Amino acid sequence: MSPRADVADALRRAVGIIVRSQNEEGGWRYQPFARDADLSITVSTLQGLRAARNVGITVDADCIKKAMAYVKRCGNKNSREGSFAYQDLAPHQTRFTFPLTAAGVTSLFSGGLYDAPEAKRGLEYLRLRFRDMRFGDYHFFYGHYYAAQALYQGGPRYWNDYFKFLREEILRHQKPSASWEDDVGETYATAMACLILQLPNEYLPIFQR
């Protein structure tokens, strides 16, 4: 958003190292040039690349194509329920969870694959299971941070009931200091709560904000 040339140059160089750090699987890990990849790092990386592209920074198309293939491979191969795994490791995939499925759908959306079958199945999985992810559960804020983005982009069928539930769940656990706290800490939980709650409520005209 800044017109400064030095900011644009820094963004281009940042995108360059991200693209060069993509591994053979098509994803990313905690350190550059890792041999393996995981969905939790790949989703945030893809969001960064999408944000850069949105402001005019060129992102290599082959990088996104390989990333989308990796995310799809993290989809549950043994079930049609729509869940996503932490990693795609032979001969079996690792754990499938609500937060990772939210990350998988958000990853596909970041790559522009809004109509991919894996994204549609993932949305249904999230729609049917969001009430199972309650405040205090492991990765509550992480999971709903990505689920809120995915379900909002899915439209009113996915968003309406979900946001009513989530808004009430979050506000019910706000501390007298106006902050939130979880197993990660107060700063993280408060930041995540605010990010989720500021999503537009345009699908909820009768809902009292």
C-alpha atoms as a PDB file:
ATOM      1  CA  MET A   1       0.000   0.000   0.000  1.00  0.00           C
ATOM      2  CA  SER A   2       2.999   2.290   0.342  1.00  0.00           C
ATOM      3  CA  PRO A   3       4.207   4.177  -2.770  1.00  0.00           C
ATOM      4  CA  ARG A   4       7.826   3.990  -1.545  1.00  0.00           C
ATOM      5  CA  ALA A   5      10.204   2.311  -3.993  1.00  0.00           C
ATOM      6  CA  ASP A   6      12.338   0.827  -1.209  1.00  0.00           C
ATOM      7  CA  VAL A   7       9.299  -0.974   0.222  1.00  0.00           C
ATOM      8  CA  ALA A   8       8.470  -2.446  -3.182  1.00  0.00           C
ATOM      9  CA  ASP A   9      12.083  -3.568  -3.588  1.00  0.00           C
ATOM     10  CA  ALA A  10      12.042  -5.252  -0.175  1.00  0.00           C
ATOM     11  CA  LEU A  11       8.820  -7.053  -1.070  1.00  0.00           C
ATOM     12  CA  ARG A  12      10.279  -8.318  -4.337  1.00  0.00           C
ATOM     13  CA  ARG A  13      13.336  -9.662  -2.553  1.00  0.00           C
ATOM     14  CA  ALA A  14      11.167 -11.260   0.143  1.00  0.00           C
ATOM     15  CA  VAL A  15       9.013 -12.958  -2.476  1.00  0.00           C
ATOM     16  CA  GLY A  16      12.172 -14.129  -4.223  1.00  0.00           C
ATOM     17  CA  ILE A  17      13.540 -15.944  -1.198  1.00  0.00           C
ATOM     18  CA  ILE A  18      10.134 -17.471  -0.464  1.00  0.00           C
ATOM     19  CA  VAL A  19       9.883 -18.829  -3.998  1.00  0.00           C
ATOM     20  CA  ARG A  20      13.448 -20.160  -3.878  1.00  0.00           C
ATOM     21  CA  SER A  21      12.729 -21.816  -0.517  1.00  0.00           C
ATOM     22  CA  GLN A  22       9.885 -23.931  -1.899  1.00  0.00           C
ATOM     23  CA  ASN A  23      10.941 -27.552  -1.622  1.00  0.00           C
ATOM     24  CA  GLU A  24      10.507 -30.436  -4.021  1.00  0.00           C
ATOM     25  CA  GLU A  25       7.165 -31.379  -2.505  1.00  0.00           C
ATOM     26  CA  GLY A  26       5.793 -27.960  -3.435  1.00  0.00           C
ATOM     27  CA  GLY A  27       5.364 -26.614   0.091  1.00  0.00           C
ATOM     28  CA  TRP A  28       7.322 -24.925   2.837  1.00  0.00           C
ATOM     29  CA  ARG A  29       8.576 -25.722   6.347  1.00  0.00           C
ATOM     30  CA  TYR A  30       9.904 -23.753   9.329  1.00  0.00           C
ATOM     31  CA  GLN A  31      13.308 -23.082   7.769  1.00  0.00           C
ATOM     32  CA  PRO A  32      14.312 -22.134   4.205  1.00  0.00           C
ATOM     33  CA  PHE A  33      15.341 -24.992   1.934  1.00  0.00           C
ATOM     34  CA  ALA A  34      13.806 -27.713   4.118  1.00  0.00           C
ATOM     35  CA  ARG A  35      13.541 -31.215   2.717  1.00  0.00           C
ATOM     36  CA  ASP A  36       9.937 -31.708   3.782  1.00  0.00           C
ATOM     37  CA  ALA A  37       6.872 -29.469   3.979  1.00  0.00           C
ATOM     38  CA  ASP A  38       3.768 -29.058   6.116  1.00  0.00           C
ATOM     39  CA  LEU A  39       0.395 -27.443   5.606  1.00  0.00           C
ATOM     40  CA  SER A  40       0.545 -25.136   8.629  1.00  0.00           C
ATOM     41  CA  ILE A  41       3.570 -23.273   7.212  1.00  0.00           C
ATOM     42  CA  THR A  42       2.465 -23.547   3.595  1.00  0.00           C
ATOM     43  CA  VAL A  43      -0.840 -21.765   4.278  1.00  0.00           C
ATOM     44  CA  SER A  44       0.764 -18.679   5.815  1.00  0.00           C
ATOM     45  CA  THR A  45       3.388 -18.611   3.068  1.00  0.00           C
ATOM     46  CA  LEU A  46       0.708 -18.720   0.377  1.00  0.00           C
ATOM     47  CA  GLN A  47      -1.186 -15.906   2.058  1.00  0.00           C
ATOM     48  CA  GLY A  48       1.960 -13.790   1.978  1.00  0.00           C
ATOM     49  CA  LEU A  49       2.492 -14.513  -1.707  1.00  0.00           C
ATOM     50  CA  ARG A  50      -1.136 -13.751  -2.500  1.00  0.00           C
ATOM     51  CA  ALA A  51      -0.925 -10.446  -0.616  1.00  0.00           C
ATOM     52  CA  ALA A  52       2.226  -9.530  -2.557  1.00  0.00           C
ATOM     53  CA  ARG A  53       0.579 -10.377  -5.850  1.00  0.00           C
ATOM     54  CA  ASN A  54      -2.471  -8.298  -4.920  1.00  0.00           C
ATOM     55  CA  VAL A  55      -0.276  -5.194  -4.654  1.00  0.00           C
ATOM     56  CA  GLY A  56       1.513  -5.786  -7.930  1.00  0.00           C
ATOM     57  CA  ILE A  57       4.534  -7.897  -6.941  1.00  0.00           C
ATOM     58  CA  THR A  58       5.187 -10.633  -9.504  1.00  0.00           C
ATOM     59  CA  VAL A  59       4.925 -14.170  -8.134  1.00  0.00           C
ATOM     60  CA  ASP A  60       6.169 -17.077 -10.221  1.00  0.00           C
ATOM     61  CA  ALA A  61       3.176 -18.992 -11.592  1.00  0.00           C
ATOM     62  CA  ASP A  62       4.972 -22.357 -11.451  1.00  0.00           C
ATOM     63  CA  CYS A  63       5.580 -21.832  -7.722  1.00  0.00           C
ATOM     64  CA  ILE A  64       1.838 -21.441  -7.094  1.00  0.00           C
ATOM     65  CA  LYS A  65       1.008 -24.385  -9.355  1.00  0.00           C
ATOM     66  CA  LYS A  66       3.355 -26.674  -7.414  1.00  0.00           C
ATOM     67  CA  ALA A  67       2.008 -25.370  -4.106  1.00  0.00           C
ATOM     68  CA  MET A  68      -1.577 -26.075  -5.128  1.00  0.00           C
ATOM     69  CA  ALA A  69      -0.612 -29.624  -6.074  1.00  0.00           C
ATOM     70  CA  TYR A  70       0.993 -30.094  -2.660  1.00  0.00           C
ATOM     71  CA  VAL A  71      -2.061 -28.764  -0.797  1.00  0.00           C
ATOM     72  CA  LYS A  72      -4.348 -31.059  -2.767  1.00  0.00           C
ATOM     73  CA  ARG A  73      -2.143 -34.037  -1.872  1.00  0.00           C
ATOM     74  CA  CYS A  74      -2.656 -33.176   1.793  1.00  0.00           C
ATOM     75  CA  GLY A  75      -6.374 -33.807   1.305  1.00  0.00           C
ATOM     76  CA  ASN A  76      -7.617 -37.015   2.883  1.00  0.00           C
ATOM     77  CA  LYS A  77      -6.935 -39.787   0.379  1.00  0.00           C
ATOM     78  CA  ASN A  78      -8.808 -42.421   2.379  1.00  0.00           C
ATOM     79  CA  SER A  79     -12.094 -40.612   2.854  1.00  0.00           C
ATOM     80  CA  ARG A  80     -14.472 -38.237   1.087  1.00  0.00           C
ATOM     81  CA  GLU A  81     -15.116 -36.275   4.270  1.00  0.00           C
ATOM     82  CA  GLY A  82     -12.994 -33.353   3.074  1.00  0.00           C
ATOM     83  CA  SER A  83     -10.377 -33.150   5.825  1.00  0.00           C
ATOM     84  CA  PHE A  84      -6.725 -32.177   5.317  1.00  0.00           C
ATOM     85  CA  ALA A  85      -3.541 -33.557   6.866  1.00  0.00           C
ATOM     86  CA  TYR A  86      -0.575 -31.821   8.470  1.00  0.00           C
ATOM     87  CA  GLN A  87       1.815 -33.452   6.011  1.00  0.00           C
ATOM     88  CA  ASP A  88       1.683 -35.680   2.959  1.00  0.00           C
ATOM     89  CA  LEU A  89       4.185 -38.362   3.885  1.00  0.00           C
ATOM     90  CA  ALA A  90       4.435 -41.791   2.286  1.00  0.00           C
ATOM     91  CA  PRO A  91       3.171 -44.387   2.927  1.00  0.00           C
ATOM     92  CA  HIS A  92       0.493 -42.640   4.990  1.00  0.00           C
ATOM     93  CA  GLN A  93      -0.657 -39.125   5.763  1.00  0.00           C
ATOM     94  CA  THR A  94      -0.296 -37.513   9.166  1.00  0.00           C
ATOM     95  CA  ARG A  95      -3.095 -36.271  11.431  1.00  0.00           C
ATOM     96  CA  PHE A  96      -6.339 -34.775  10.085  1.00  0.00           C
ATOM     97  CA  THR A  97      -7.927 -31.979  12.132  1.00  0.00           C
ATOM     98  CA  PHE A  98     -10.363 -29.069  11.925  1.00  0.00           C
ATOM     99  CA  PRO A  99      -7.535 -26.457  12.038  1.00  0.00           C
ATOM    100  CA  LEU A 100      -5.565 -28.211   9.302  1.00  0.00           C
ATOM    101  CA  THR A 101      -8.651 -28.533   7.123  1.00  0.00           C
ATOM    102  CA  ALA A 102      -9.273 -24.810   7.558  1.00  0.00           C
ATOM    103  CA  ALA A 103      -5.659 -24.206   6.542  1.00  0.00           C
ATOM    104  CA  GLY A 104      -6.068 -26.448   3.512  1.00  0.00           C
ATOM    105  CA  VAL A 105      -9.150 -24.649   2.214  1.00  0.00           C
ATOM    106  CA  THR A 106      -7.597 -21.228   2.848  1.00  0.00           C
ATOM    107  CA  SER A 107      -4.472 -22.344   0.988  1.00  0.00           C
ATOM    108  CA  LEU A 108      -6.496 -23.322  -2.069  1.00  0.00           C
ATOM    109  CA  PHE A 109      -8.363 -20.020  -1.960  1.00  0.00           C
ATOM    110  CA  SER A 110      -5.055 -18.151  -1.716  1.00  0.00           C
ATOM    111  CA  GLY A 111      -4.053 -19.857  -4.957  1.00  0.00           C
ATOM    112  CA  GLY A 112      -7.330 -18.932  -6.644  1.00  0.00           C
ATOM    113  CA  LEU A 113      -8.786 -22.468  -6.628  1.00  0.00           C
ATOM    114  CA  TYR A 114     -12.188 -21.478  -5.236  1.00  0.00           C
ATOM    115  CA  ASP A 115     -14.058 -24.190  -7.142  1.00  0.00           C
ATOM    116  CA  ALA A 116     -11.639 -27.061  -6.629  1.00  0.00           C
ATOM    117  CA  PRO A 117     -13.385 -30.249  -5.448  1.00  0.00           C
ATOM    118  CA  GLU A 118     -10.991 -30.427  -2.489  1.00  0.00           C
ATOM    119  CA  ALA A 119     -11.991 -26.901  -1.442  1.00  0.00           C
ATOM    120  CA  LYS A 120     -15.707 -27.642  -1.682  1.00  0.00           C
ATOM    121  CA  ARG A 121     -15.389 -30.841   0.338  1.00  0.00           C
ATOM    122  CA  GLY A 122     -13.263 -28.998   2.871  1.00  0.00           C
ATOM    123  CA  LEU A 123     -15.901 -26.284   3.268  1.00  0.00           C
ATOM    124  CA  GLU A 124     -18.531 -28.917   3.984  1.00  0.00           C
ATOM    125  CA  TYR A 125     -16.264 -30.545   6.558  1.00  0.00           C
ATOM    126  CA  LEU A 126     -15.809 -27.200   8.317  1.00  0.00           C
ATOM    127  CA  ARG A 127     -19.518 -26.376   8.129  1.00  0.00           C
ATOM    128  CA  LEU A 128     -20.486 -29.650   9.771  1.00  0.00           C
ATOM    129  CA  ARG A 129     -17.810 -29.622  12.481  1.00  0.00           C
ATOM    130  CA  PHE A 130     -17.237 -26.036  13.568  1.00  0.00           C
ATOM    131  CA  ARG A 131     -19.229 -26.449  16.799  1.00  0.00           C
ATOM    132  CA  ASP A 132     -16.798 -29.159  17.890  1.00  0.00           C
ATOM    133  CA  MET A 133     -13.967 -26.587  18.111  1.00  0.00           C
ATOM    134  CA  ARG A 134     -14.639 -24.790  21.410  1.00  0.00           C
ATOM    135  CA  PHE A 135     -12.722 -22.179  23.344  1.00  0.00           C
ATOM    136  CA  GLY A 136      -9.882 -23.818  25.274  1.00  0.00           C
ATOM    137  CA  ASP A 137      -9.400 -26.590  22.718  1.00  0.00           C
ATOM    138  CA  TYR A 138      -5.900 -27.055  21.356  1.00  0.00           C
ATOM    139  CA  HIS A 139      -5.321 -24.592  18.493  1.00  0.00           C
ATOM    140  CA  PHE A 140      -8.773 -22.993  18.935  1.00  0.00           C
ATOM    141  CA  PHE A 141      -7.699 -19.579  17.659  1.00  0.00           C
ATOM    142  CA  TYR A 142      -5.404 -20.966  14.979  1.00  0.00           C
ATOM    143  CA  GLY A 143      -8.168 -23.171  13.616  1.00  0.00           C
ATOM    144  CA  HIS A 144     -10.844 -20.506  13.625  1.00  0.00           C
ATOM    145  CA  TYR A 145      -8.496 -17.857  12.206  1.00  0.00           C
ATOM    146  CA  TYR A 146      -8.311 -19.895   9.000  1.00  0.00           C
ATOM    147  CA  ALA A 147     -11.829 -21.334   9.200  1.00  0.00           C
ATOM    148  CA  ALA A 148     -13.312 -17.834   9.436  1.00  0.00           C
ATOM    149  CA  GLN A 149     -11.501 -16.789   6.268  1.00  0.00           C
ATOM    150  CA  ALA A 150     -12.527 -19.935   4.407  1.00  0.00           C
ATOM    151  CA  LEU A 151     -16.173 -19.968   5.473  1.00  0.00           C
ATOM    152  CA  TYR A 152     -16.625 -16.248   4.887  1.00  0.00           C
ATOM    153  CA  GLN A 153     -15.399 -16.657   1.321  1.00  0.00           C
ATOM    154  CA  GLY A 154     -17.695 -19.654   0.970  1.00  0.00           C
ATOM    155  CA  GLY A 155     -20.718 -17.358   1.256  1.00  0.00           C
ATOM    156  CA  PRO A 156     -23.788 -17.098   3.510  1.00  0.00           C
ATOM    157  CA  ARG A 157     -24.543 -20.832   3.496  1.00  0.00           C
ATOM    158  CA  TYR A 158     -21.276 -21.431   5.302  1.00  0.00           C
ATOM    159  CA  TRP A 159     -20.843 -18.138   7.127  1.00  0.00           C
ATOM    160  CA  ASN A 160     -24.126 -17.231   8.832  1.00  0.00           C
ATOM    161  CA  ASP A 161     -24.512 -19.952  11.455  1.00  0.00           C
ATOM    162  CA  TYR A 162     -20.767 -20.237  11.866  1.00  0.00           C
ATOM    163  CA  PHE A 163     -20.098 -16.608  12.713  1.00  0.00           C
ATOM    164  CA  LYS A 164     -23.026 -16.392  15.115  1.00  0.00           C
ATOM    165  CA  PHE A 165     -21.577 -19.340  16.994  1.00  0.00           C
ATOM    166  CA  LEU A 166     -17.978 -18.160  16.849  1.00  0.00           C
ATOM    167  CA  ARG A 167     -18.682 -14.551  17.820  1.00  0.00           C
ATOM    168  CA  GLU A 168     -20.625 -15.634  20.903  1.00  0.00           C
ATOM    169  CA  GLU A 169     -17.985 -18.235  21.797  1.00  0.00           C
ATOM    170  CA  ILE A 170     -15.177 -15.683  21.633  1.00  0.00           C
ATOM    171  CA  LEU A 171     -17.001 -12.844  23.419  1.00  0.00           C
ATOM    172  CA  ARG A 172     -18.140 -15.164  26.206  1.00  0.00           C
ATOM    173  CA  HIS A 173     -14.513 -15.786  27.138  1.00  0.00           C
ATOM    174  CA  GLN A 174     -13.266 -12.212  27.016  1.00  0.00           C
ATOM    175  CA  LYS A 175     -11.518 -11.283  30.268  1.00  0.00           C
ATOM    176  CA  PRO A 176     -12.438  -8.207  32.391  1.00  0.00           C
ATOM    177  CA  SER A 177      -9.278  -6.592  31.009  1.00  0.00           C
ATOM    178  CA  ALA A 178     -10.874  -6.900  27.525  1.00  0.00           C
ATOM    179  CA  SER A 179      -8.181  -9.398  26.485  1.00  0.00           C
ATOM    180  CA  TRP A 180      -8.246 -13.124  25.777  1.00  0.00           C
ATOM    181  CA  GLU A 181      -5.839 -15.838  26.836  1.00  0.00           C
ATOM    182  CA  ASP A 182      -5.074 -19.379  25.691  1.00  0.00           C
ATOM    183  CA  ASP A 183      -2.245 -21.888  25.974  1.00  0.00           C
ATOM    184  CA  VAL A 184      -0.053 -19.751  23.703  1.00  0.00           C
ATOM    185  CA  GLY A 185      -0.540 -16.536  25.654  1.00  0.00           C
ATOM    186  CA  GLU A 186      -2.569 -13.385  26.113  1.00  0.00           C
ATOM    187  CA  THR A 187      -1.011 -11.337  23.302  1.00  0.00           C
ATOM    188  CA  TYR A 188      -1.513 -14.051  20.698  1.00  0.00           C
ATOM    189  CA  ALA A 189      -5.062 -14.889  21.777  1.00  0.00           C
ATOM    190  CA  THR A 190      -6.139 -11.242  21.867  1.00  0.00           C
ATOM    191  CA  ALA A 191      -4.658 -10.529  18.451  1.00  0.00           C
ATOM    192  CA  MET A 192      -6.342 -13.566  16.922  1.00  0.00           C
ATOM    193  CA  ALA A 193      -9.693 -12.766  18.515  1.00  0.00           C
ATOM    194  CA  CYS A 194      -9.586  -9.223  17.123  1.00  0.00           C
ATOM    195  CA  LEU A 195      -8.618 -10.430  13.654  1.00  0.00           C
ATOM    196  CA  ILE A 196     -11.542 -12.860  13.584  1.00  0.00           C
ATOM    197  CA  LEU A 197     -14.108 -10.458  15.005  1.00  0.00           C
ATOM    198  CA  GLN A 198     -13.341  -7.711  12.503  1.00  0.00           C
ATOM    199  CA  LEU A 199     -14.408  -9.828   9.538  1.00  0.00           C
ATOM    200  CA  PRO A 200     -17.385  -8.211   7.753  1.00  0.00           C
ATOM    201  CA  ASN A 201     -20.857  -9.208   8.876  1.00  0.00           C
ATOM    202  CA  GLU A 202     -22.538  -8.342   5.588  1.00  0.00           C
ATOM    203  CA  TYR A 203     -24.243 -11.739   5.404  1.00  0.00           C
ATOM    204  CA  LEU A 204     -25.925 -11.117   8.775  1.00  0.00           C
ATOM    205  CA  PRO A 205     -28.297  -8.152   8.339  1.00  0.00           C
ATOM    206  CA  ILE A 206     -30.543  -9.168  11.229  1.00  0.00           C
ATOM    207  CA  PHE A 207     -27.773 -10.167  13.603  1.00  0.00           C
ATOM    208  CA  GLN A 208     -27.156  -7.742  16.431  1.00  0.00           C
ATOM    209  CA  ARG A 209     -23.512  -6.705  16.291  1.00  0.00           C
END
